[in-house]
């Protein structure tokens, strides 16, 4: 193999390894964000209104 081909393969290998390292770090960052900021499904306004009315009725009774 010529030195040019060896150098080319080395540069390509470093690039591929760099991409995989970035992908792993990005994946871990997504998992960490999901752990510290979990998804909460939003309730429609009607649900909030009905819950508020129920708690007010319980407090009055």
PDB file of N, CA and C in Angstrom:
ATOM      1  N   UNK A   1       0.847  -1.175   0.000  1.00  0.00           N
ATOM      2  CA  UNK A   1       0.000   0.000   0.000  1.00  0.00           C
ATOM      3  C   UNK A   1       0.896   1.243   0.000  1.00  0.00           C
ATOM      4  N   UNK A   2       0.452   2.226  -0.706  1.00  0.00           N
ATOM      5  CA  UNK A   2       1.245   3.453  -0.777  1.00  0.00           C
ATOM      6  C   UNK A   2       0.976   4.309   0.455  1.00  0.00           C
ATOM      7  N   UNK A   3       1.895   5.180   0.801  1.00  0.00           N
ATOM      8  CA  UNK A   3       1.695   6.041   1.971  1.00  0.00           C
ATOM      9  C   UNK A   3       0.459   6.938   1.837  1.00  0.00           C
ATOM     10  N   UNK A   4       0.133   7.319   0.623  1.00  0.00           N
ATOM     11  CA  UNK A   4      -1.049   8.161   0.431  1.00  0.00           C
ATOM     12  C   UNK A   4      -2.324   7.408   0.795  1.00  0.00           C
ATOM     13  N   UNK A   5      -2.430   6.145   0.388  1.00  0.00           N
ATOM     14  CA  UNK A   5      -3.612   5.335   0.704  1.00  0.00           C
ATOM     15  C   UNK A   5      -3.676   5.082   2.208  1.00  0.00           C
ATOM     16  N   UNK A   6      -2.535   4.815   2.832  1.00  0.00           N
ATOM     17  CA  UNK A   6      -2.518   4.602   4.280  1.00  0.00           C
ATOM     18  C   UNK A   6      -2.975   5.851   5.017  1.00  0.00           C
ATOM     19  N   UNK A   7      -2.504   6.990   4.604  1.00  0.00           N
ATOM     20  CA  UNK A   7      -2.906   8.248   5.239  1.00  0.00           C
ATOM     21  C   UNK A   7      -4.394   8.503   5.034  1.00  0.00           C
ATOM     22  N   UNK A   8      -4.885   8.212   3.844  1.00  0.00           N
ATOM     23  CA  UNK A   8      -6.312   8.388   3.550  1.00  0.00           C
ATOM     24  C   UNK A   8      -7.169   7.492   4.434  1.00  0.00           C
ATOM     25  N   UNK A   9      -6.771   6.230   4.574  1.00  0.00           N
ATOM     26  CA  UNK A   9      -7.524   5.306   5.424  1.00  0.00           C
ATOM     27  C   UNK A   9      -7.470   5.731   6.892  1.00  0.00           C
ATOM     28  N   UNK A  10      -6.346   6.251   7.333  1.00  0.00           N
ATOM     29  CA  UNK A  10      -6.228   6.729   8.710  1.00  0.00           C
ATOM     30  C   UNK A  10      -7.172   7.908   8.951  1.00  0.00           C
ATOM     31  N   UNK A  11      -7.188   8.844   8.025  1.00  0.00           N
ATOM     32  CA  UNK A  11      -8.074  10.008   8.167  1.00  0.00           C
ATOM     33  C   UNK A  11      -9.542   9.576   8.150  1.00  0.00           C
ATOM     34  N   UNK A  12      -9.888   8.643   7.256  1.00  0.00           N
ATOM     35  CA  UNK A  12     -11.266   8.144   7.186  1.00  0.00           C
ATOM     36  C   UNK A  12     -11.637   7.419   8.478  1.00  0.00           C
ATOM     37  N   UNK A  13     -10.719   6.604   9.004  1.00  0.00           N
ATOM     38  CA  UNK A  13     -10.985   5.894  10.263  1.00  0.00           C
ATOM     39  C   UNK A  13     -11.194   6.842  11.419  1.00  0.00           C
ATOM     40  N   UNK A  14     -10.366   7.874  11.498  1.00  0.00           N
ATOM     41  CA  UNK A  14     -10.521   8.867  12.572  1.00  0.00           C
ATOM     42  C   UNK A  14     -11.869   9.567  12.438  1.00  0.00           C
ATOM     43  N   UNK A  15     -12.275   9.876  11.218  1.00  0.00           N
ATOM     44  CA  UNK A  15     -13.563  10.525  10.997  1.00  0.00           C
ATOM     45  C   UNK A  15     -14.728   9.650  11.411  1.00  0.00           C
ATOM     46  N   UNK A  16     -14.677   8.378  11.058  1.00  0.00           N
ATOM     47  CA  UNK A  16     -15.762   7.453  11.411  1.00  0.00           C
ATOM     48  C   UNK A  16     -15.841   7.278  12.921  1.00  0.00           C
ATOM     49  N   UNK A  17     -14.696   7.113  13.571  1.00  0.00           N
ATOM     50  CA  UNK A  17     -14.685   6.974  15.036  1.00  0.00           C
ATOM     51  C   UNK A  17     -15.219   8.251  15.686  1.00  0.00           C
ATOM     52  N   UNK A  18     -14.853   9.397  15.146  1.00  0.00           N
ATOM     53  CA  UNK A  18     -15.349  10.665  15.678  1.00  0.00           C
ATOM     54  C   UNK A  18     -16.855  10.789  15.571  1.00  0.00           C
ATOM     55  N   UNK A  19     -17.408  10.344  14.452  1.00  0.00           N
ATOM     56  CA  UNK A  19     -18.866  10.382  14.267  1.00  0.00           C
ATOM     57  C   UNK A  19     -19.548   9.483  15.292  1.00  0.00           C
ATOM     58  N   UNK A  20     -19.035   8.278  15.504  1.00  0.00           N
ATOM     59  CA  UNK A  20     -19.655   7.368  16.467  1.00  0.00           C
ATOM     60  C   UNK A  20     -19.538   7.904  17.886  1.00  0.00           C
ATOM     61  N   UNK A  21     -18.426   8.519  18.235  1.00  0.00           N
ATOM     62  CA  UNK A  21     -18.290   9.114  19.569  1.00  0.00           C
ATOM     63  C   UNK A  21     -19.316  10.233  19.745  1.00  0.00           C
ATOM     64  N   UNK A  22     -19.474  11.069  18.720  1.00  0.00           N
ATOM     65  CA  UNK A  22     -20.469  12.136  18.794  1.00  0.00           C
ATOM     66  C   UNK A  22     -21.870  11.566  18.953  1.00  0.00           C
ATOM     67  N   UNK A  23     -22.199  10.512  18.202  1.00  0.00           N
ATOM     68  CA  UNK A  23     -23.538   9.924  18.290  1.00  0.00           C
ATOM     69  C   UNK A  23     -23.804   9.358  19.679  1.00  0.00           C
ATOM     70  N   UNK A  24     -22.812   8.732  20.284  1.00  0.00           N
ATOM     71  CA  UNK A  24     -22.986   8.182  21.636  1.00  0.00           C
ATOM     72  C   UNK A  24     -23.186   9.314  22.642  1.00  0.00           C
ATOM     73  N   UNK A  25     -22.393  10.366  22.544  1.00  0.00           N
ATOM     74  CA  UNK A  25     -22.549  11.495  23.462  1.00  0.00           C
ATOM     75  C   UNK A  25     -23.912  12.170  23.289  1.00  0.00           C
ATOM     76  N   UNK A  26     -24.346  12.325  22.056  1.00  0.00           N
ATOM     77  CA  UNK A  26     -25.643  12.935  21.788  1.00  0.00           C
ATOM     78  C   UNK A  26     -26.770  12.068  22.355  1.00  0.00           C
ATOM     79  N   UNK A  27     -26.665  10.756  22.195  1.00  0.00           N
ATOM     80  CA  UNK A  27     -27.667   9.833  22.736  1.00  0.00           C
ATOM     81  C   UNK A  27     -27.719   9.916  24.259  1.00  0.00           C
ATOM     82  N   UNK A  28     -26.554   9.946  24.899  1.00  0.00           N
ATOM     83  CA  UNK A  28     -26.515  10.048  26.355  1.00  0.00           C
ATOM     84  C   UNK A  28     -27.090  11.378  26.827  1.00  0.00           C
ATOM     85  N   UNK A  29     -26.852  12.445  26.068  1.00  0.00           N
ATOM     86  CA  UNK A  29     -27.412  13.746  26.429  1.00  0.00           C
ATOM     87  C   UNK A  29     -28.942  13.728  26.324  1.00  0.00           C
ATOM     88  N   UNK A  30     -29.474  13.058  25.313  1.00  0.00           N
ATOM     89  CA  UNK A  30     -30.927  12.946  25.171  1.00  0.00           C
ATOM     90  C   UNK A  30     -31.512  12.156  26.334  1.00  0.00           C
ATOM     91  N   UNK A  31     -30.864  11.067  26.721  1.00  0.00           N
ATOM     92  CA  UNK A  31     -31.352  10.266  27.847  1.00  0.00           C
ATOM     93  C   UNK A  31     -31.316  11.086  29.143  1.00  0.00           C
ATOM     94  N   UNK A  32     -30.241  11.849  29.353  1.00  0.00           N
ATOM     95  CA  UNK A  32     -30.134  12.666  30.554  1.00  0.00           C
ATOM     96  C   UNK A  32     -31.218  13.735  30.579  1.00  0.00           C
ATOM     97  N   UNK A  33     -31.474  14.372  29.453  1.00  0.00           N
ATOM     98  CA  UNK A  33     -32.539  15.375  29.406  1.00  0.00           C
ATOM     99  C   UNK A  33     -33.901  14.753  29.648  1.00  0.00           C
ATOM    100  N   UNK A  34     -34.116  13.564  29.124  1.00  0.00           N
ATOM    101  CA  UNK A  34     -35.392  12.879  29.338  1.00  0.00           C
ATOM    102  C   UNK A  34     -35.559  12.493  30.806  1.00  0.00           C
ATOM    103  N   UNK A  35     -34.460  12.180  31.467  1.00  0.00           N
ATOM    104  CA  UNK A  35     -34.538  11.804  32.887  1.00  0.00           C
ATOM    105  C   UNK A  35     -34.836  13.029  33.758  1.00  0.00           C
ATOM    106  N   UNK A  36     -34.163  14.151  33.471  1.00  0.00           N
ATOM    107  CA  UNK A  36     -34.323  15.336  34.305  1.00  0.00           C
ATOM    108  C   UNK A  36     -35.510  16.195  33.907  1.00  0.00           C
ATOM    109  N   UNK A  37     -35.973  16.086  32.678  1.00  0.00           N
ATOM    110  CA  UNK A  37     -37.130  16.843  32.209  1.00  0.00           C
ATOM    111  C   UNK A  37     -38.106  15.884  31.532  1.00  0.00           C
ATOM    112  N   UNK A  38     -38.820  15.062  32.312  1.00  0.00           N
ATOM    113  CA  UNK A  38     -39.696  14.057  31.697  1.00  0.00           C
ATOM    114  C   UNK A  38     -40.880  14.704  30.981  1.00  0.00           C
ATOM    115  N   UNK A  39     -41.390  14.012  29.992  1.00  0.00           N
ATOM    116  CA  UNK A  39     -42.524  14.496  29.219  1.00  0.00           C
ATOM    117  C   UNK A  39     -43.789  14.365  30.046  1.00  0.00           C
ATOM    118  N   UNK A  40     -44.572  15.422  30.078  1.00  0.00           N
ATOM    119  CA  UNK A  40     -45.860  15.395  30.760  1.00  0.00           C
ATOM    120  C   UNK A  40     -46.921  15.774  29.743  1.00  0.00           C
ATOM    121  N   UNK A  41     -47.876  14.887  29.573  1.00  0.00           N
ATOM    122  CA  UNK A  41     -48.919  15.145  28.596  1.00  0.00           C
ATOM    123  C   UNK A  41     -49.820  16.267  29.113  1.00  0.00           C
ATOM    124  N   UNK A  42     -50.100  17.214  28.248  1.00  0.00           N
ATOM    125  CA  UNK A  42     -50.925  18.348  28.658  1.00  0.00           C
ATOM    126  C   UNK A  42     -52.394  17.946  28.650  1.00  0.00           C
ATOM    127  N   UNK A  43     -53.113  18.438  29.658  1.00  0.00           N
ATOM    128  CA  UNK A  43     -54.536  18.150  29.750  1.00  0.00           C
ATOM    129  C   UNK A  43     -55.307  19.281  29.070  1.00  0.00           C
ATOM    130  N   UNK A  44     -56.451  18.948  28.483  1.00  0.00           N
ATOM    131  CA  UNK A  44     -57.270  20.019  27.903  1.00  0.00           C
ATOM    132  C   UNK A  44     -57.808  20.943  28.990  1.00  0.00           C
ATOM    133  N   UNK A  45     -58.215  22.141  28.621  1.00  0.00           N
ATOM    134  CA  UNK A  45     -58.700  23.121  29.592  1.00  0.00           C
ATOM    135  C   UNK A  45     -59.931  22.610  30.337  1.00  0.00           C
ATOM    136  N   UNK A  46     -60.753  21.808  29.667  1.00  0.00           N
ATOM    137  CA  UNK A  46     -61.969  21.305  30.320  1.00  0.00           C
ATOM    138  C   UNK A  46     -61.637  20.432  31.531  1.00  0.00           C
ATOM    139  N   UNK A  47     -60.568  19.683  31.450  1.00  0.00           N
ATOM    140  CA  UNK A  47     -60.177  18.816  32.565  1.00  0.00           C
ATOM    141  C   UNK A  47     -59.764  19.671  33.758  1.00  0.00           C
ATOM    142  N   UNK A  48     -59.001  20.752  33.508  1.00  0.00           N
ATOM    143  CA  UNK A  48     -58.614  21.633  34.596  1.00  0.00           C
ATOM    144  C   UNK A  48     -59.831  22.276  35.248  1.00  0.00           C
ATOM    145  N   UNK A  49     -60.788  22.697  34.434  1.00  0.00           N
ATOM    146  CA  UNK A  49     -61.981  23.335  34.973  1.00  0.00           C
ATOM    147  C   UNK A  49     -62.797  22.366  35.815  1.00  0.00           C
ATOM    148  N   UNK A  50     -62.961  21.131  35.349  1.00  0.00           N
ATOM    149  CA  UNK A  50     -63.744  20.156  36.107  1.00  0.00           C
ATOM    150  C   UNK A  50     -63.017  19.778  37.405  1.00  0.00           C
ATOM    151  N   UNK A  51     -61.685  19.677  37.386  1.00  0.00           N
ATOM    152  CA  UNK A  51     -60.950  19.374  38.614  1.00  0.00           C
ATOM    153  C   UNK A  51     -61.071  20.517  39.614  1.00  0.00           C
ATOM    154  N   UNK A  52     -61.026  21.748  39.130  1.00  0.00           N
ATOM    155  CA  UNK A  52     -61.145  22.902  40.011  1.00  0.00           C
ATOM    156  C   UNK A  52     -62.527  22.955  40.642  1.00  0.00           C
ATOM    157  N   UNK A  53     -63.571  22.683  39.859  1.00  0.00           N
ATOM    158  CA  UNK A  53     -64.932  22.692  40.396  1.00  0.00           C
ATOM    159  C   UNK A  53     -65.105  21.593  41.441  1.00  0.00           C
ATOM    160  N   UNK A  54     -64.547  20.416  41.212  1.00  0.00           N
ATOM    161  CA  UNK A  54     -64.667  19.324  42.168  1.00  0.00           C
ATOM    162  C   UNK A  54     -63.971  19.661  43.480  1.00  0.00           C
ATOM    163  N   UNK A  55     -62.812  20.243  43.431  1.00  0.00           N
ATOM    164  CA  UNK A  55     -62.094  20.578  44.672  1.00  0.00           C
ATOM    165  C   UNK A  55     -62.802  21.702  45.411  1.00  0.00           C
ATOM    166  N   UNK A  56     -63.398  22.646  44.694  1.00  0.00           N
ATOM    167  CA  UNK A  56     -64.141  23.721  45.356  1.00  0.00           C
ATOM    168  C   UNK A  56     -65.374  23.165  46.043  1.00  0.00           C
ATOM    169  N   UNK A  57     -66.061  22.205  45.414  1.00  0.00           N
ATOM    170  CA  UNK A  57     -67.230  21.594  46.020  1.00  0.00           C
ATOM    171  C   UNK A  57     -66.853  20.816  47.266  1.00  0.00           C
ATOM    172  N   UNK A  58     -65.696  20.133  47.247  1.00  0.00           N
ATOM    173  CA  UNK A  58     -65.256  19.366  48.397  1.00  0.00           C
ATOM    174  C   UNK A  58     -64.886  20.294  49.549  1.00  0.00           C
ATOM    175  N   UNK A  59     -64.294  21.439  49.252  1.00  0.00           N
ATOM    176  CA  UNK A  59     -63.908  22.391  50.289  1.00  0.00           C
ATOM    177  C   UNK A  59     -65.124  23.016  50.939  1.00  0.00           C
ATOM    178  N   UNK A  60     -66.180  23.253  50.161  1.00  0.00           N
ATOM    179  CA  UNK A  60     -67.395  23.861  50.698  1.00  0.00           C
ATOM    180  C   UNK A  60     -68.129  22.862  51.585  1.00  0.00           C
ATOM    181  N   UNK A  61     -68.160  21.594  51.185  1.00  0.00           N
ATOM    182  CA  UNK A  61     -68.912  20.595  51.937  1.00  0.00           C
ATOM    183  C   UNK A  61     -68.264  20.207  53.230  1.00  0.00           C
TER     184      UNK A  61
END
